[in-house]
Amino acid sequence: MKPPPNPHLVLAVALLLPGMGQVLNRQPVRGLIFVCFAVLLGGFTLKTAAADVSFVGKVSGALFVWAMALLDAYRTARIRRAVWDHRNAPR
């Protein structure tokens, strides 16, 4: 059986694109859900933010979902790696 990806690799990929960490963790539907919510919430905050709000403030909804996707991908990768290491440890 192939070992799960290194959690640090998953973290690095998840930093580049939201949802890609979940794809590496073999959860593509979950990754797609994160991307959809990032687009929806980012679009909502972009349209509803006041004119004098900074760009980061205008896309804060998308950044929030991206941060949650990042944490989720890393946590899942760490758990999967720990379980795999435990099951495949020499006895």
Protein backbone atom coordinates (compact mmCIF):
# COMPACT_ATOMS: atom_id res chain seq x y z
CA MET A 1 0.00 0.00 0.00
CA LYS A 2 1.27 3.45 -0.94
CA PRO A 3 1.96 5.81 1.99
CA PRO A 4 -0.05 9.03 2.25
CA PRO A 5 1.71 12.23 1.17
CA ASN A 6 3.99 14.10 3.52
CA PRO A 7 1.93 16.61 5.56
CA HIS A 8 4.44 19.37 4.83
CA LEU A 9 4.08 18.77 1.09
CA VAL A 10 0.30 18.94 1.46
CA LEU A 11 0.66 22.20 3.39
CA ALA A 12 2.91 23.70 0.69
CA VAL A 13 0.51 22.73 -2.11
CA ALA A 14 -2.50 23.98 -0.13
CA LEU A 15 -0.76 27.34 0.26
CA LEU A 16 -0.60 27.68 -3.53
CA LEU A 17 -4.22 26.88 -4.36
CA PRO A 18 -7.24 26.35 -2.13
CA GLY A 19 -8.57 22.81 -2.39
CA MET A 20 -5.39 21.26 -3.78
CA GLY A 21 -4.36 19.96 -0.38
CA GLN A 22 -7.58 18.02 -0.24
CA VAL A 23 -6.92 16.63 -3.71
CA LEU A 24 -3.50 15.38 -2.54
CA ASN A 25 -5.26 13.80 0.45
CA ARG A 26 -7.49 11.92 -2.02
CA GLN A 27 -10.55 14.06 -1.19
CA PRO A 28 -11.23 15.83 -4.50
CA VAL A 29 -14.92 16.51 -3.79
CA ARG A 30 -14.02 18.14 -0.49
CA GLY A 31 -11.44 20.27 -2.29
CA LEU A 32 -14.02 21.32 -4.88
CA ILE A 33 -16.41 22.30 -2.09
CA PHE A 34 -13.74 24.50 -0.51
CA VAL A 35 -13.04 26.17 -3.86
CA CYS A 36 -16.73 26.81 -4.49
CA PHE A 37 -17.21 28.34 -1.05
CA ALA A 38 -14.07 30.47 -1.48
CA VAL A 39 -15.43 31.84 -4.76
CA LEU A 40 -18.93 32.39 -3.35
CA LEU A 41 -17.85 34.02 -0.11
CA GLY A 42 -15.10 36.00 -1.84
CA GLY A 43 -17.58 37.30 -4.40
CA PHE A 44 -20.05 38.18 -1.67
CA THR A 45 -17.54 40.17 0.38
CA LEU A 46 -16.20 41.81 -2.78
CA LYS A 47 -19.67 43.08 -3.72
CA THR A 48 -20.80 44.06 -0.22
CA ALA A 49 -17.64 45.74 1.09
CA ALA A 50 -17.60 49.52 1.27
CA ALA A 51 -15.71 51.46 -1.39
CA ASP A 52 -12.96 52.57 0.99
CA VAL A 53 -12.12 49.02 2.16
CA SER A 54 -8.75 47.60 1.09
CA PHE A 55 -8.46 44.75 -1.41
CA VAL A 56 -7.67 42.30 1.38
CA GLY A 57 -10.84 43.39 3.15
CA LYS A 58 -12.85 42.95 -0.01
CA VAL A 59 -11.70 39.37 -0.52
CA SER A 60 -11.57 38.46 3.17
CA GLY A 61 -14.32 35.88 2.71
CA ALA A 62 -12.23 33.94 0.21
CA LEU A 63 -9.12 34.28 2.38
CA PHE A 64 -11.03 32.89 5.36
CA VAL A 65 -12.19 29.82 3.41
CA TRP A 66 -8.66 29.38 2.04
CA ALA A 67 -7.26 29.41 5.58
CA MET A 68 -9.83 26.82 6.69
CA ALA A 69 -8.98 24.63 3.67
CA LEU A 70 -5.28 24.94 4.52
CA LEU A 71 -5.81 23.85 8.12
CA ASP A 72 -8.13 21.03 7.09
CA ALA A 73 -5.71 19.65 4.50
CA TYR A 74 -2.73 19.73 6.86
CA ARG A 75 -4.65 18.19 9.76
CA THR A 76 -6.00 15.40 7.56
CA ALA A 77 -2.54 14.68 6.13
CA ARG A 78 -1.01 14.53 9.62
CA ILE A 79 -3.69 12.12 10.85
CA ARG A 80 -3.43 9.89 7.80
CA ARG A 81 0.37 9.78 8.04
CA ALA A 82 0.26 8.95 11.76
CA VAL A 83 -2.24 6.13 11.20
CA TRP A 84 -0.20 4.77 8.29
CA ASP A 85 3.02 4.91 10.33
CA HIS A 86 1.34 3.13 13.24
CA ARG A 87 -0.10 0.37 11.05
CA ASN A 88 3.16 -0.19 9.18
CA ALA A 89 5.55 0.01 12.13
CA PRO A 90 7.86 -2.98 12.53
CA ARG A 91 6.72 -5.31 15.28
